[in-house]
Amino acid sequence: MRRIVLDVNVIVSGFPSLQSVPGSLVQMGLEAVFQLILSEHIIQGVQQAWRKPYFQQRFDEDRATASIHLLRQAAIIVEPEFVTGIAPDEEDDRVLGTALAGNAEYLVTGDHGLLRLHSYRGVEIISPSECLLMIAAGFEDSDR
């Protein structure tokens, strides 16, 4: 089974709208279409984002709490490997460290700084749309 890290931006935009591309990926992670890999760092980032007024208007606290619970149940939670100076900022380095610690094949993100890296130590860094297309194709074209 493919091991995939969903970045904070994918999760926070996916949960309120499960019919969106990020939402489809979140749903697939919860349904074990792929092995979802997360870290406490990513989970805390999701919780912080959902506390912002924009999300609080669209995603109430009870739903946010229930969603975090679902993520914890579905994912393998890892301690990020130490990575520094690779991504544009320290937060992104910790997301890369999550992918490495979880032996992820893919890191799915909307972050342009991470996407510019394309890959890091065997982890392909792809957009949500690219990931959804690969899943639809049965990951056949994943050996780019």
N, C-alpha and C. Protein backbone atom coordinates (compact mmCIF):
# COMPACT_ATOMS: atom_id res chain seq x y z
N MET A 1 0.85 -1.18 0.00
CA MET A 1 0.00 0.00 0.00
C MET A 1 0.89 1.25 0.00
N ARG A 2 0.53 2.21 -0.81
CA ARG A 2 1.29 3.47 -0.89
C ARG A 2 1.20 4.24 0.41
N ARG A 3 2.33 4.85 0.77
CA ARG A 3 2.41 5.64 2.00
C ARG A 3 2.49 7.11 1.61
N ILE A 4 1.52 7.89 2.08
CA ILE A 4 1.38 9.28 1.64
C ILE A 4 1.21 10.20 2.84
N VAL A 5 1.95 11.30 2.82
CA VAL A 5 1.77 12.39 3.79
C VAL A 5 0.91 13.46 3.14
N LEU A 6 -0.14 13.86 3.81
CA LEU A 6 -0.93 15.01 3.39
C LEU A 6 -0.49 16.19 4.23
N ASP A 7 -0.08 17.27 3.58
CA ASP A 7 0.35 18.47 4.28
C ASP A 7 -0.86 19.15 4.93
N VAL A 8 -0.56 20.01 5.87
CA VAL A 8 -1.60 20.74 6.60
C VAL A 8 -2.58 21.41 5.64
N ASN A 9 -2.07 22.08 4.62
CA ASN A 9 -2.94 22.84 3.71
C ASN A 9 -3.91 21.93 2.96
N VAL A 10 -3.54 20.71 2.70
CA VAL A 10 -4.43 19.76 2.02
C VAL A 10 -5.53 19.32 2.99
N ILE A 11 -5.15 19.02 4.20
CA ILE A 11 -6.13 18.55 5.19
C ILE A 11 -7.13 19.64 5.54
N VAL A 12 -6.64 20.85 5.83
CA VAL A 12 -7.57 21.91 6.27
C VAL A 12 -8.50 22.34 5.15
N SER A 13 -8.06 22.27 3.91
CA SER A 13 -8.97 22.63 2.82
C SER A 13 -9.85 21.45 2.42
N GLY A 14 -9.43 20.23 2.77
CA GLY A 14 -10.18 19.05 2.39
C GLY A 14 -11.36 18.71 3.28
N PHE A 15 -11.20 18.89 4.58
CA PHE A 15 -12.27 18.45 5.48
C PHE A 15 -13.57 19.23 5.32
N PRO A 16 -13.53 20.53 5.21
CA PRO A 16 -14.82 21.21 5.07
C PRO A 16 -15.56 20.86 3.78
N SER A 17 -14.84 20.43 2.75
CA SER A 17 -15.45 20.13 1.46
C SER A 17 -14.90 18.81 0.93
N LEU A 18 -15.48 17.71 1.34
CA LEU A 18 -14.98 16.40 0.94
C LEU A 18 -15.21 16.10 -0.55
N GLN A 19 -15.94 16.98 -1.26
CA GLN A 19 -16.13 16.80 -2.69
C GLN A 19 -15.02 17.47 -3.50
N SER A 20 -14.15 18.23 -2.86
CA SER A 20 -13.03 18.89 -3.53
C SER A 20 -11.90 17.89 -3.76
N VAL A 21 -10.87 18.30 -4.53
CA VAL A 21 -9.71 17.43 -4.73
C VAL A 21 -9.04 17.13 -3.38
N PRO A 22 -8.71 18.15 -2.57
CA PRO A 22 -8.12 17.82 -1.26
C PRO A 22 -9.07 16.97 -0.40
N GLY A 23 -10.36 17.27 -0.48
CA GLY A 23 -11.33 16.49 0.28
C GLY A 23 -11.38 15.03 -0.14
N SER A 24 -11.28 14.79 -1.44
CA SER A 24 -11.24 13.41 -1.93
C SER A 24 -10.03 12.68 -1.37
N LEU A 25 -8.88 13.36 -1.32
CA LEU A 25 -7.67 12.73 -0.78
C LEU A 25 -7.80 12.45 0.71
N VAL A 26 -8.36 13.40 1.45
CA VAL A 26 -8.59 13.17 2.88
C VAL A 26 -9.48 11.95 3.06
N GLN A 27 -10.58 11.90 2.30
CA GLN A 27 -11.52 10.79 2.42
C GLN A 27 -10.83 9.46 2.09
N MET A 28 -10.00 9.45 1.05
CA MET A 28 -9.29 8.23 0.68
C MET A 28 -8.30 7.81 1.76
N GLY A 29 -7.66 8.78 2.39
CA GLY A 29 -6.76 8.47 3.50
C GLY A 29 -7.52 7.85 4.67
N LEU A 30 -8.68 8.41 4.96
CA LEU A 30 -9.50 7.88 6.05
C LEU A 30 -10.03 6.48 5.73
N GLU A 31 -10.27 6.21 4.45
CA GLU A 31 -10.80 4.92 4.02
C GLU A 31 -9.69 3.92 3.68
N ALA A 32 -8.43 4.27 3.94
CA ALA A 32 -7.28 3.39 3.72
C ALA A 32 -7.08 2.99 2.25
N VAL A 33 -7.40 3.90 1.33
CA VAL A 33 -7.05 3.69 -0.07
C VAL A 33 -5.52 3.73 -0.18
N PHE A 34 -4.91 4.53 0.69
CA PHE A 34 -3.46 4.59 0.85
C PHE A 34 -3.19 4.71 2.35
N GLN A 35 -1.96 4.45 2.74
CA GLN A 35 -1.60 4.57 4.16
C GLN A 35 -1.27 6.03 4.43
N LEU A 36 -2.08 6.66 5.24
CA LEU A 36 -1.90 8.05 5.61
C LEU A 36 -0.83 8.15 6.69
N ILE A 37 0.17 8.98 6.44
CA ILE A 37 1.26 9.20 7.39
C ILE A 37 1.17 10.64 7.87
N LEU A 38 1.14 10.83 9.18
CA LEU A 38 1.09 12.16 9.78
C LEU A 38 2.04 12.22 10.96
N SER A 39 2.25 13.43 11.45
CA SER A 39 3.01 13.65 12.68
C SER A 39 2.20 14.59 13.57
N GLU A 40 2.58 14.65 14.82
CA GLU A 40 1.92 15.60 15.72
C GLU A 40 2.10 17.02 15.20
N HIS A 41 3.22 17.28 14.57
CA HIS A 41 3.47 18.60 13.98
C HIS A 41 2.38 18.95 12.97
N ILE A 42 2.05 18.02 12.09
CA ILE A 42 1.01 18.27 11.09
C ILE A 42 -0.35 18.39 11.76
N ILE A 43 -0.65 17.52 12.70
CA ILE A 43 -1.94 17.58 13.40
C ILE A 43 -2.09 18.91 14.13
N GLN A 44 -1.04 19.36 14.80
CA GLN A 44 -1.11 20.66 15.48
C GLN A 44 -1.31 21.79 14.49
N GLY A 45 -0.69 21.70 13.32
CA GLY A 45 -0.88 22.71 12.28
C GLY A 45 -2.32 22.77 11.81
N VAL A 46 -2.95 21.61 11.69
CA VAL A 46 -4.35 21.53 11.30
C VAL A 46 -5.21 22.18 12.38
N GLN A 47 -4.95 21.84 13.64
CA GLN A 47 -5.73 22.41 14.73
C GLN A 47 -5.58 23.94 14.79
N GLN A 48 -4.38 24.43 14.59
CA GLN A 48 -4.15 25.89 14.60
C GLN A 48 -4.90 26.57 13.45
N ALA A 49 -4.87 25.97 12.28
CA ALA A 49 -5.56 26.55 11.13
C ALA A 49 -7.06 26.62 11.38
N TRP A 50 -7.62 25.55 11.95
CA TRP A 50 -9.05 25.52 12.18
C TRP A 50 -9.50 26.49 13.28
N ARG A 51 -8.56 27.03 14.05
CA ARG A 51 -8.91 28.04 15.06
C ARG A 51 -9.00 29.44 14.47
N LYS A 52 -8.56 29.61 13.24
CA LYS A 52 -8.60 30.92 12.58
C LYS A 52 -10.05 31.24 12.21
N PRO A 53 -10.40 32.54 12.25
CA PRO A 53 -11.79 32.94 11.98
C PRO A 53 -12.36 32.41 10.67
N TYR A 54 -11.56 32.39 9.62
CA TYR A 54 -12.05 31.90 8.32
C TYR A 54 -12.62 30.49 8.45
N PHE A 55 -11.87 29.60 9.10
CA PHE A 55 -12.32 28.21 9.23
C PHE A 55 -13.39 28.06 10.31
N GLN A 56 -13.32 28.84 11.37
CA GLN A 56 -14.33 28.74 12.42
C GLN A 56 -15.72 29.06 11.89
N GLN A 57 -15.80 29.92 10.88
CA GLN A 57 -17.10 30.24 10.28
C GLN A 57 -17.62 29.09 9.42
N ARG A 58 -16.73 28.22 8.97
CA ARG A 58 -17.11 27.14 8.06
C ARG A 58 -17.04 25.75 8.67
N PHE A 59 -16.38 25.67 9.81
CA PHE A 59 -16.05 24.35 10.36
C PHE A 59 -16.07 24.48 11.87
N ASP A 60 -17.18 24.10 12.51
CA ASP A 60 -17.32 24.34 13.95
C ASP A 60 -16.37 23.47 14.78
N GLU A 61 -16.22 23.84 16.04
CA GLU A 61 -15.25 23.20 16.92
C GLU A 61 -15.53 21.71 17.12
N ASP A 62 -16.79 21.33 17.24
CA ASP A 62 -17.12 19.91 17.39
C ASP A 62 -16.70 19.10 16.17
N ARG A 63 -16.95 19.65 15.00
CA ARG A 63 -16.56 18.95 13.77
C ARG A 63 -15.03 18.88 13.65
N ALA A 64 -14.36 19.94 14.05
CA ALA A 64 -12.89 19.95 14.01
C ALA A 64 -12.33 18.89 14.95
N THR A 65 -12.88 18.80 16.15
CA THR A 65 -12.42 17.81 17.12
C THR A 65 -12.67 16.39 16.60
N ALA A 66 -13.84 16.16 16.04
CA ALA A 66 -14.16 14.84 15.49
C ALA A 66 -13.24 14.50 14.31
N SER A 67 -12.91 15.49 13.51
CA SER A 67 -12.03 15.27 12.36
C SER A 67 -10.62 14.91 12.79
N ILE A 68 -10.12 15.58 13.82
CA ILE A 68 -8.79 15.25 14.35
C ILE A 68 -8.79 13.82 14.88
N HIS A 69 -9.86 13.43 15.54
CA HIS A 69 -9.98 12.06 16.04
C HIS A 69 -9.94 11.05 14.88
N LEU A 70 -10.65 11.35 13.81
CA LEU A 70 -10.64 10.46 12.63
C LEU A 70 -9.24 10.36 12.04
N LEU A 71 -8.55 11.49 11.94
CA LEU A 71 -7.18 11.48 11.41
C LEU A 71 -6.27 10.60 12.26
N ARG A 72 -6.36 10.78 13.57
CA ARG A 72 -5.52 9.98 14.48
C ARG A 72 -5.80 8.49 14.35
N GLN A 73 -7.05 8.13 14.15
CA GLN A 73 -7.41 6.72 14.01
C GLN A 73 -6.91 6.13 12.70
N ALA A 74 -6.96 6.92 11.63
CA ALA A 74 -6.65 6.41 10.30
C ALA A 74 -5.16 6.42 9.98
N ALA A 75 -4.42 7.34 10.59
CA ALA A 75 -3.03 7.56 10.20
C ALA A 75 -2.04 6.81 11.07
N ILE A 76 -0.88 6.60 10.49
CA ILE A 76 0.29 6.22 11.27
C ILE A 76 0.93 7.54 11.69
N ILE A 77 1.10 7.72 12.98
CA ILE A 77 1.68 8.96 13.51
C ILE A 77 3.16 8.71 13.77
N VAL A 78 4.01 9.54 13.18
CA VAL A 78 5.46 9.38 13.33
C VAL A 78 6.07 10.63 13.93
N GLU A 79 7.26 10.46 14.47
CA GLU A 79 8.07 11.59 14.94
C GLU A 79 8.94 12.00 13.76
N PRO A 80 8.83 13.26 13.31
CA PRO A 80 9.60 13.68 12.13
C PRO A 80 11.11 13.51 12.32
N GLU A 81 11.78 13.09 11.25
CA GLU A 81 13.24 13.09 11.25
C GLU A 81 13.70 14.54 11.26
N PHE A 82 14.91 14.75 11.74
CA PHE A 82 15.46 16.10 11.75
C PHE A 82 15.90 16.48 10.34
N VAL A 83 15.27 17.51 9.80
CA VAL A 83 15.61 18.06 8.49
C VAL A 83 15.72 19.56 8.68
N THR A 84 16.77 20.16 8.15
CA THR A 84 16.91 21.60 8.28
C THR A 84 17.53 22.20 7.02
N GLY A 85 17.01 23.37 6.66
CA GLY A 85 17.57 24.12 5.55
C GLY A 85 17.25 23.59 4.16
N ILE A 86 16.32 22.68 4.04
CA ILE A 86 15.97 22.12 2.73
C ILE A 86 14.80 22.88 2.12
N ALA A 87 13.75 23.04 2.88
CA ALA A 87 12.55 23.73 2.42
C ALA A 87 12.67 25.24 2.70
N PRO A 88 11.78 26.01 2.11
CA PRO A 88 11.83 27.46 2.31
C PRO A 88 11.67 27.92 3.77
N ASP A 89 11.00 27.13 4.59
CA ASP A 89 10.89 27.49 6.00
C ASP A 89 10.94 26.26 6.90
N GLU A 90 11.16 26.52 8.16
CA GLU A 90 11.33 25.43 9.14
C GLU A 90 10.11 24.52 9.24
N GLU A 91 8.92 25.09 9.13
CA GLU A 91 7.70 24.27 9.20
C GLU A 91 7.69 23.23 8.08
N ASP A 92 8.10 23.65 6.89
CA ASP A 92 8.13 22.73 5.76
C ASP A 92 9.19 21.65 5.94
N ASP A 93 10.32 22.01 6.57
CA ASP A 93 11.34 20.99 6.86
C ASP A 93 10.76 19.90 7.76
N ARG A 94 9.91 20.28 8.70
CA ARG A 94 9.32 19.28 9.60
C ARG A 94 8.31 18.39 8.86
N VAL A 95 7.65 18.94 7.85
CA VAL A 95 6.76 18.13 7.03
C VAL A 95 7.59 17.13 6.20
N LEU A 96 8.71 17.61 5.65
CA LEU A 96 9.62 16.69 4.95
C LEU A 96 10.12 15.60 5.90
N GLY A 97 10.45 16.01 7.12
CA GLY A 97 10.90 15.05 8.13
C GLY A 97 9.84 14.01 8.46
N THR A 98 8.57 14.40 8.41
CA THR A 98 7.46 13.47 8.62
C THR A 98 7.45 12.43 7.51
N ALA A 99 7.60 12.89 6.27
CA ALA A 99 7.60 11.97 5.14
C ALA A 99 8.75 10.98 5.23
N LEU A 100 9.92 11.47 5.61
CA LEU A 100 11.08 10.58 5.74
C LEU A 100 10.88 9.57 6.86
N ALA A 101 10.41 10.03 8.01
CA ALA A 101 10.22 9.14 9.16
C ALA A 101 9.17 8.07 8.87
N GLY A 102 8.18 8.42 8.07
CA GLY A 102 7.11 7.48 7.76
C GLY A 102 7.36 6.65 6.52
N ASN A 103 8.58 6.76 5.96
CA ASN A 103 8.90 6.04 4.72
C ASN A 103 7.84 6.29 3.64
N ALA A 104 7.39 7.55 3.57
CA ALA A 104 6.37 7.91 2.59
C ALA A 104 6.96 7.93 1.19
N GLU A 105 6.14 7.56 0.25
CA GLU A 105 6.53 7.66 -1.16
C GLU A 105 6.17 9.03 -1.71
N TYR A 106 5.13 9.63 -1.14
CA TYR A 106 4.64 10.91 -1.63
C TYR A 106 4.35 11.86 -0.48
N LEU A 107 4.64 13.13 -0.73
CA LEU A 107 4.21 14.23 0.13
C LEU A 107 3.30 15.07 -0.74
N VAL A 108 2.05 15.18 -0.34
CA VAL A 108 1.05 15.92 -1.12
C VAL A 108 0.84 17.26 -0.46
N THR A 109 1.05 18.32 -1.24
CA THR A 109 0.99 19.67 -0.69
C THR A 109 0.54 20.67 -1.75
N GLY A 110 0.01 21.76 -1.27
CA GLY A 110 -0.29 22.90 -2.14
C GLY A 110 0.75 23.99 -1.96
N ASP A 111 1.73 23.74 -1.12
CA ASP A 111 2.78 24.73 -0.81
C ASP A 111 3.76 24.82 -1.98
N HIS A 112 3.82 25.99 -2.60
CA HIS A 112 4.68 26.16 -3.79
C HIS A 112 6.15 25.99 -3.48
N GLY A 113 6.58 26.38 -2.29
CA GLY A 113 7.98 26.19 -1.91
C GLY A 113 8.37 24.73 -1.86
N LEU A 114 7.51 23.91 -1.30
CA LEU A 114 7.77 22.46 -1.27
C LEU A 114 7.65 21.85 -2.66
N LEU A 115 6.64 22.26 -3.42
CA LEU A 115 6.44 21.71 -4.75
C LEU A 115 7.64 21.97 -5.66
N ARG A 116 8.31 23.10 -5.47
CA ARG A 116 9.50 23.42 -6.28
C ARG A 116 10.63 22.43 -6.06
N LEU A 117 10.63 21.75 -4.92
CA LEU A 117 11.68 20.75 -4.66
C LEU A 117 11.49 19.50 -5.52
N HIS A 118 10.27 19.18 -5.90
CA HIS A 118 9.90 18.01 -6.71
C HIS A 118 10.10 16.69 -5.96
N SER A 119 11.23 16.52 -5.30
CA SER A 119 11.46 15.32 -4.51
C SER A 119 12.57 15.60 -3.52
N TYR A 120 12.60 14.76 -2.49
CA TYR A 120 13.66 14.86 -1.50
C TYR A 120 13.89 13.48 -0.91
N ARG A 121 15.12 12.99 -1.04
CA ARG A 121 15.53 11.69 -0.51
C ARG A 121 14.50 10.59 -0.78
N GLY A 122 14.07 10.52 -2.02
CA GLY A 122 13.16 9.45 -2.44
C GLY A 122 11.69 9.72 -2.24
N VAL A 123 11.33 10.87 -1.67
CA VAL A 123 9.93 11.23 -1.47
C VAL A 123 9.54 12.18 -2.61
N GLU A 124 8.55 11.77 -3.40
CA GLU A 124 8.04 12.63 -4.46
C GLU A 124 7.11 13.67 -3.85
N ILE A 125 7.30 14.92 -4.20
CA ILE A 125 6.48 16.02 -3.67
C ILE A 125 5.56 16.46 -4.79
N ILE A 126 4.26 16.22 -4.58
CA ILE A 126 3.28 16.43 -5.64
C ILE A 126 2.08 17.23 -5.14
N SER A 127 1.34 17.78 -6.09
CA SER A 127 0.13 18.54 -5.78
C SER A 127 -1.03 17.58 -5.51
N PRO A 128 -2.07 18.08 -4.87
CA PRO A 128 -3.26 17.24 -4.68
C PRO A 128 -3.83 16.70 -6.00
N SER A 129 -3.85 17.53 -7.03
CA SER A 129 -4.38 17.08 -8.32
C SER A 129 -3.54 15.96 -8.91
N GLU A 130 -2.22 16.09 -8.83
CA GLU A 130 -1.34 15.03 -9.33
C GLU A 130 -1.57 13.73 -8.56
N CYS A 131 -1.74 13.83 -7.26
CA CYS A 131 -1.96 12.64 -6.45
C CYS A 131 -3.28 11.97 -6.82
N LEU A 132 -4.31 12.76 -6.98
CA LEU A 132 -5.61 12.19 -7.33
C LEU A 132 -5.56 11.50 -8.69
N LEU A 133 -4.85 12.09 -9.63
CA LEU A 133 -4.70 11.46 -10.95
C LEU A 133 -3.94 10.14 -10.84
N MET A 134 -2.90 10.10 -10.01
CA MET A 134 -2.13 8.86 -9.84
C MET A 134 -2.97 7.78 -9.19
N ILE A 135 -3.78 8.16 -8.20
CA ILE A 135 -4.65 7.18 -7.56
C ILE A 135 -5.66 6.65 -8.57
N ALA A 136 -6.24 7.55 -9.37
CA ALA A 136 -7.22 7.14 -10.38
C ALA A 136 -6.58 6.19 -11.40
N ALA A 137 -5.29 6.39 -11.67
CA ALA A 137 -4.58 5.54 -12.63
C ALA A 137 -4.01 4.30 -11.95
N GLY A 138 -4.30 4.13 -10.70
CA GLY A 138 -3.79 2.97 -9.97
C GLY A 138 -2.32 3.08 -9.66
N PHE A 139 -1.79 4.31 -9.58
CA PHE A 139 -0.39 4.58 -9.29
C PHE A 139 0.54 4.02 -10.36
N GLU A 140 0.01 3.62 -11.51
CA GLU A 140 0.82 3.01 -12.57
C GLU A 140 1.91 3.94 -13.08
N ASP A 141 1.62 5.24 -13.15
CA ASP A 141 2.58 6.19 -13.71
C ASP A 141 3.42 6.84 -12.63
N SER A 142 3.46 6.27 -11.44
CA SER A 142 4.12 6.91 -10.31
C SER A 142 5.64 6.82 -10.36
N ASP A 143 6.21 6.06 -11.26
CA ASP A 143 7.66 5.93 -11.36
C ASP A 143 8.20 6.94 -12.37
N ARG A 144 7.92 8.20 -12.13
CA ARG A 144 8.30 9.25 -13.09
C ARG A 144 9.76 9.32 -13.33
